[in-house]
């Protein structure tokens, strides 16, 4: 099933320790499916036992979005105000 372009956005997460980044297509609700979670973790920090990062492998300031506490949903930063959405 194809996602509607109006309800998805490209979000890039980074890890400033490993100098890595991953771009994900997520819906406006910010929910991540299990495949997206695995992809982010593998791309940002695929080292078993490494404690460099958060639930998705992200580390350092995130420009567009940041994961919630369990890493299954993203909160988005408003480009105009700089405030985070809390869904």
N, C-alpha and C. Protein backbone atom coordinates (compact mmCIF):
# COMPACT_ATOMS: atom_id res chain seq x y z
N UNK A 1 0.84 -1.17 0.00
CA UNK A 1 0.00 0.00 0.00
C UNK A 1 0.89 1.24 0.00
N UNK A 2 0.70 2.13 -0.93
CA UNK A 2 1.51 3.34 -1.06
C UNK A 2 1.03 4.38 -0.05
N UNK A 3 1.98 5.12 0.49
CA UNK A 3 1.64 6.18 1.43
C UNK A 3 1.29 7.44 0.66
N UNK A 4 0.35 8.20 1.18
CA UNK A 4 -0.04 9.47 0.59
C UNK A 4 1.06 10.49 0.86
N UNK A 5 1.54 11.16 -0.18
CA UNK A 5 2.64 12.11 -0.05
C UNK A 5 2.28 13.28 0.87
N UNK A 6 0.98 13.61 0.96
CA UNK A 6 0.57 14.73 1.80
C UNK A 6 0.64 14.39 3.28
N UNK A 7 0.66 13.12 3.64
CA UNK A 7 0.64 12.75 5.05
C UNK A 7 1.96 12.14 5.51
N UNK A 8 2.99 12.19 4.69
CA UNK A 8 4.29 11.69 5.11
C UNK A 8 5.34 12.78 5.00
N UNK A 9 6.39 12.60 5.76
CA UNK A 9 7.51 13.53 5.68
C UNK A 9 8.81 12.77 5.84
N UNK A 10 9.84 13.32 5.22
CA UNK A 10 11.19 12.75 5.34
C UNK A 10 11.84 13.35 6.57
N UNK A 11 12.35 12.49 7.43
CA UNK A 11 13.00 12.92 8.66
C UNK A 11 14.38 12.29 8.72
N UNK A 12 15.38 13.09 9.01
CA UNK A 12 16.75 12.59 9.14
C UNK A 12 17.15 12.63 10.61
N UNK A 13 17.60 11.48 11.10
CA UNK A 13 18.13 11.36 12.45
C UNK A 13 19.64 11.18 12.34
N UNK A 14 20.38 11.66 13.33
CA UNK A 14 21.83 11.59 13.27
C UNK A 14 22.42 11.02 14.56
N UNK A 15 23.65 10.55 14.45
CA UNK A 15 24.44 10.11 15.59
C UNK A 15 25.79 10.79 15.45
N UNK A 16 26.05 11.77 16.31
CA UNK A 16 27.29 12.55 16.19
C UNK A 16 28.52 11.85 16.76
N UNK A 17 28.33 10.71 17.40
CA UNK A 17 29.47 9.92 17.88
C UNK A 17 30.06 9.08 16.75
N UNK A 18 29.17 8.40 16.02
CA UNK A 18 29.60 7.55 14.90
C UNK A 18 29.59 8.30 13.57
N UNK A 19 29.16 9.56 13.57
CA UNK A 19 29.06 10.37 12.34
C UNK A 19 28.19 9.66 11.30
N UNK A 20 27.00 9.26 11.73
CA UNK A 20 26.09 8.53 10.85
C UNK A 20 24.74 9.23 10.82
N UNK A 21 23.96 8.93 9.79
CA UNK A 21 22.63 9.52 9.64
C UNK A 21 21.74 8.53 8.91
N UNK A 22 20.44 8.66 9.13
CA UNK A 22 19.45 7.85 8.43
C UNK A 22 18.24 8.73 8.15
N UNK A 23 17.64 8.56 6.98
CA UNK A 23 16.43 9.30 6.62
C UNK A 23 15.28 8.32 6.55
N UNK A 24 14.20 8.66 7.23
CA UNK A 24 13.00 7.81 7.28
C UNK A 24 11.81 8.59 6.75
N UNK A 25 10.87 7.88 6.13
CA UNK A 25 9.59 8.45 5.72
C UNK A 25 8.59 8.11 6.82
N UNK A 26 8.04 9.12 7.47
CA UNK A 26 7.10 8.88 8.56
C UNK A 26 5.83 9.67 8.34
N UNK A 27 4.75 9.18 8.90
CA UNK A 27 3.48 9.88 8.83
C UNK A 27 3.47 11.09 9.75
N UNK A 28 2.45 11.91 9.61
CA UNK A 28 2.33 13.11 10.44
C UNK A 28 2.18 12.78 11.92
N UNK A 29 1.72 11.55 12.23
CA UNK A 29 1.59 11.16 13.63
C UNK A 29 2.94 10.78 14.23
N UNK A 30 3.96 10.58 13.38
CA UNK A 30 5.30 10.28 13.86
C UNK A 30 5.54 8.84 14.26
N UNK A 31 4.53 7.98 14.12
CA UNK A 31 4.69 6.58 14.54
C UNK A 31 5.62 5.84 13.59
N UNK A 32 6.49 5.02 14.17
CA UNK A 32 7.44 4.22 13.41
C UNK A 32 7.03 2.76 13.45
N UNK A 33 7.15 2.08 12.31
CA UNK A 33 6.87 0.65 12.31
C UNK A 33 8.14 -0.09 12.75
N UNK A 34 8.04 -1.36 13.10
CA UNK A 34 9.22 -2.09 13.58
C UNK A 34 10.39 -2.10 12.59
N UNK A 35 10.10 -2.13 11.30
CA UNK A 35 11.16 -2.10 10.30
C UNK A 35 11.93 -0.78 10.30
N UNK A 36 11.22 0.31 10.50
CA UNK A 36 11.87 1.62 10.56
C UNK A 36 12.75 1.73 11.80
N UNK A 37 12.28 1.18 12.91
CA UNK A 37 13.07 1.19 14.15
C UNK A 37 14.36 0.40 13.94
N UNK A 38 14.25 -0.81 13.36
CA UNK A 38 15.44 -1.63 13.10
C UNK A 38 16.40 -0.92 12.15
N UNK A 39 15.86 -0.32 11.09
CA UNK A 39 16.70 0.37 10.11
C UNK A 39 17.46 1.53 10.75
N UNK A 40 16.76 2.33 11.57
CA UNK A 40 17.41 3.45 12.23
C UNK A 40 18.52 2.97 13.16
N UNK A 41 18.23 1.97 13.97
CA UNK A 41 19.23 1.45 14.91
C UNK A 41 20.45 0.91 14.18
N UNK A 42 20.21 0.16 13.12
CA UNK A 42 21.31 -0.44 12.35
C UNK A 42 22.15 0.63 11.66
N UNK A 43 21.51 1.65 11.10
CA UNK A 43 22.23 2.68 10.37
C UNK A 43 22.98 3.65 11.29
N UNK A 44 22.39 3.99 12.43
CA UNK A 44 22.99 4.98 13.31
C UNK A 44 24.04 4.39 14.23
N UNK A 45 23.78 3.22 14.77
CA UNK A 45 24.75 2.54 15.64
C UNK A 45 24.43 1.06 15.64
N UNK A 46 25.06 0.33 14.77
CA UNK A 46 24.81 -1.10 14.66
C UNK A 46 25.73 -1.95 15.51
N UNK A 47 26.43 -1.34 16.45
CA UNK A 47 27.39 -2.06 17.27
C UNK A 47 26.69 -2.65 18.50
N UNK A 48 26.69 -3.96 18.60
CA UNK A 48 26.05 -4.64 19.72
C UNK A 48 26.72 -4.23 21.04
N UNK A 49 25.91 -3.84 21.99
CA UNK A 49 26.43 -3.47 23.31
C UNK A 49 26.92 -2.04 23.43
N UNK A 50 26.93 -1.29 22.35
CA UNK A 50 27.37 0.10 22.40
C UNK A 50 26.33 0.92 23.16
N UNK A 51 26.79 1.81 23.99
CA UNK A 51 25.88 2.65 24.78
C UNK A 51 25.98 4.12 24.38
N UNK A 52 26.30 4.37 23.11
CA UNK A 52 26.53 5.73 22.65
C UNK A 52 25.26 6.55 22.47
N UNK A 53 24.10 5.91 22.38
CA UNK A 53 22.94 6.64 21.88
C UNK A 53 21.64 6.25 22.55
N UNK A 54 20.55 6.89 22.07
CA UNK A 54 19.21 6.64 22.56
C UNK A 54 18.59 5.42 21.92
N UNK A 55 17.27 5.28 22.06
CA UNK A 55 16.55 4.09 21.61
C UNK A 55 16.65 3.80 20.12
N UNK A 56 16.77 4.83 19.30
CA UNK A 56 16.86 4.62 17.86
C UNK A 56 18.29 4.69 17.34
N UNK A 57 19.25 4.91 18.22
CA UNK A 57 20.62 5.06 17.80
C UNK A 57 21.00 6.51 17.58
N UNK A 58 20.09 7.43 17.88
CA UNK A 58 20.35 8.86 17.70
C UNK A 58 21.22 9.39 18.85
N UNK A 59 22.01 10.37 18.53
CA UNK A 59 22.83 11.03 19.56
C UNK A 59 23.12 12.45 19.10
N UNK A 60 23.11 13.38 20.03
CA UNK A 60 23.35 14.78 19.71
C UNK A 60 22.07 15.48 19.35
N UNK A 61 22.15 16.79 19.14
CA UNK A 61 20.95 17.56 18.80
C UNK A 61 20.34 17.07 17.48
N UNK A 62 19.04 16.92 17.48
CA UNK A 62 18.31 16.49 16.28
C UNK A 62 17.58 17.69 15.71
N UNK A 63 17.80 17.97 14.45
CA UNK A 63 17.26 19.18 13.82
C UNK A 63 15.76 19.11 13.57
N UNK A 64 15.26 17.95 13.14
CA UNK A 64 13.86 17.86 12.68
C UNK A 64 12.94 17.14 13.63
N UNK A 65 13.42 16.04 14.20
CA UNK A 65 12.57 15.19 15.00
C UNK A 65 13.41 14.43 16.02
N UNK A 66 12.76 14.01 17.10
CA UNK A 66 13.43 13.22 18.12
C UNK A 66 12.47 12.14 18.60
N UNK A 67 13.00 10.96 18.94
CA UNK A 67 12.12 9.87 19.38
C UNK A 67 11.60 10.09 20.79
N UNK A 68 10.45 9.47 21.05
CA UNK A 68 9.91 9.48 22.41
C UNK A 68 10.73 8.51 23.27
N UNK A 69 10.31 8.30 24.50
CA UNK A 69 11.09 7.50 25.45
C UNK A 69 11.30 6.05 25.03
N UNK A 70 10.33 5.45 24.34
CA UNK A 70 10.51 4.05 23.95
C UNK A 70 10.95 3.88 22.50
N UNK A 71 11.13 4.98 21.77
CA UNK A 71 11.66 4.93 20.42
C UNK A 71 10.69 4.46 19.36
N UNK A 72 9.38 4.52 19.63
CA UNK A 72 8.40 4.06 18.65
C UNK A 72 7.65 5.20 17.95
N UNK A 73 7.89 6.43 18.39
CA UNK A 73 7.21 7.57 17.79
C UNK A 73 8.14 8.78 17.84
N UNK A 74 8.05 9.62 16.80
CA UNK A 74 8.87 10.82 16.74
C UNK A 74 8.06 12.04 17.12
N UNK A 75 8.72 12.99 17.77
CA UNK A 75 8.15 14.30 18.02
C UNK A 75 8.83 15.26 17.04
N UNK A 76 8.06 16.13 16.42
CA UNK A 76 8.59 17.01 15.39
C UNK A 76 8.86 18.41 15.93
N UNK A 77 9.92 19.04 15.42
CA UNK A 77 10.24 20.42 15.78
C UNK A 77 9.57 21.34 14.77
N UNK A 78 8.88 22.36 15.27
CA UNK A 78 8.26 23.36 14.41
C UNK A 78 9.36 24.26 13.86
N UNK A 79 9.50 24.32 12.54
CA UNK A 79 10.57 25.07 11.90
C UNK A 79 10.50 26.57 12.20
N UNK A 80 9.30 27.09 12.41
CA UNK A 80 9.14 28.52 12.65
C UNK A 80 9.41 28.90 14.10
N UNK A 81 8.88 28.11 15.04
CA UNK A 81 9.00 28.47 16.46
C UNK A 81 10.13 27.74 17.16
N UNK A 82 10.57 26.60 16.61
CA UNK A 82 11.60 25.81 17.26
C UNK A 82 11.08 24.94 18.38
N UNK A 83 9.75 24.96 18.60
CA UNK A 83 9.15 24.17 19.67
C UNK A 83 8.87 22.76 19.19
N UNK A 84 8.85 21.83 20.13
CA UNK A 84 8.59 20.42 19.82
C UNK A 84 7.11 20.11 19.97
N UNK A 85 6.58 19.28 19.05
CA UNK A 85 5.20 18.82 19.18
C UNK A 85 5.20 17.65 20.14
N UNK A 86 4.20 17.56 20.97
CA UNK A 86 4.08 16.44 21.92
C UNK A 86 2.76 15.77 21.64
N UNK A 87 2.83 14.69 20.85
CA UNK A 87 1.59 14.01 20.44
C UNK A 87 1.28 12.85 21.32
